[in-house]
PDB file of N, CA and C in Angstrom:
ATOM      1  N   MET A   1       5.808  -8.712  25.145  1.00  0.00           N
ATOM      2  CA  MET A   1       5.288  -7.341  25.422  1.00  0.00           C
ATOM      3  C   MET A   1       5.731  -6.386  24.310  1.00  0.00           C
ATOM      4  N   ARG A   2       4.855  -6.049  23.445  1.00  0.00           N
ATOM      5  CA  ARG A   2       5.217  -5.143  22.322  1.00  0.00           C
ATOM      6  C   ARG A   2       4.696  -3.743  22.575  1.00  0.00           C
ATOM      7  N   ARG A   3       5.507  -2.747  22.335  1.00  0.00           N
ATOM      8  CA  ARG A   3       5.041  -1.353  22.579  1.00  0.00           C
ATOM      9  C   ARG A   3       4.552  -0.723  21.275  1.00  0.00           C
ATOM     10  N   ARG A   4       3.505   0.027  21.322  1.00  0.00           N
ATOM     11  CA  ARG A   4       2.948   0.629  20.083  1.00  0.00           C
ATOM     12  C   ARG A   4       3.781   1.839  19.665  1.00  0.00           C
ATOM     13  N   GLY A   5       4.218   1.873  18.432  1.00  0.00           N
ATOM     14  CA  GLY A   5       4.957   3.051  17.974  1.00  0.00           C
ATOM     15  C   GLY A   5       6.441   2.756  17.817  1.00  0.00           C
ATOM     16  N   ARG A   6       6.949   1.776  18.554  1.00  0.00           N
ATOM     17  CA  ARG A   6       8.403   1.486  18.440  1.00  0.00           C
ATOM     18  C   ARG A   6       8.661  -0.015  18.365  1.00  0.00           C
ATOM     19  N   PRO A   7       8.424  -0.631  17.209  1.00  0.00           N
ATOM     20  CA  PRO A   7       8.691  -2.063  17.043  1.00  0.00           C
ATOM     21  C   PRO A   7      10.186  -2.329  16.994  1.00  0.00           C
ATOM     22  N   TRP A   8      10.743  -2.787  18.091  1.00  0.00           N
ATOM     23  CA  TRP A   8      12.179  -3.042  18.153  1.00  0.00           C
ATOM     24  C   TRP A   8      12.647  -3.931  17.011  1.00  0.00           C
ATOM     25  N   PRO A   9      13.948  -3.868  16.720  1.00  0.00           N
ATOM     26  CA  PRO A   9      14.523  -4.711  15.668  1.00  0.00           C
ATOM     27  C   PRO A   9      14.551  -6.180  16.071  1.00  0.00           C
ATOM     28  N   ARG A  10      15.405  -6.963  15.438  1.00  0.00           N
ATOM     29  CA  ARG A  10      15.464  -8.408  15.724  1.00  0.00           C
ATOM     30  C   ARG A  10      15.740  -8.619  17.224  1.00  0.00           C
ATOM     31  N   GLY A  11      16.722  -7.973  17.769  1.00  0.00           N
ATOM     32  CA  GLY A  11      17.036  -8.177  19.192  1.00  0.00           C
ATOM     33  C   GLY A  11      16.147  -7.333  20.079  1.00  0.00           C
ATOM     34  N   SER A  12      14.971  -7.861  20.370  1.00  0.00           N
ATOM     35  CA  SER A  12      14.049  -7.097  21.222  1.00  0.00           C
ATOM     36  C   SER A  12      14.458  -7.211  22.689  1.00  0.00           C
ATOM     37  N   PRO A  13      14.178  -6.204  23.481  1.00  0.00           N
ATOM     38  CA  PRO A  13      14.528  -6.194  24.904  1.00  0.00           C
ATOM     39  C   PRO A  13      13.653  -7.164  25.680  1.00  0.00           C
ATOM     40  N   THR A  14      12.527  -7.546  25.097  1.00  0.00           N
ATOM     41  CA  THR A  14      11.610  -8.437  25.810  1.00  0.00           C
ATOM     42  C   THR A  14      11.744  -9.859  25.288  1.00  0.00           C
ATOM     43  N   SER A  15      12.066  -9.976  24.004  1.00  0.00           N
ATOM     44  CA  SER A  15      12.167 -11.324  23.431  1.00  0.00           C
ATOM     45  C   SER A  15      13.551 -11.558  22.861  1.00  0.00           C
ATOM     46  N   GLY A  16      14.551 -11.389  23.685  1.00  0.00           N
ATOM     47  CA  GLY A  16      15.801 -11.702  23.071  1.00  0.00           C
ATOM     48  C   GLY A  16      16.987 -11.069  23.635  1.00  0.00           C
TER      49      GLY A  16
END
């Protein structure tokens, strides 16, 4: 689940 406007860094809250 990627949000538009805020591409999380390596440690994403959804993938990691």
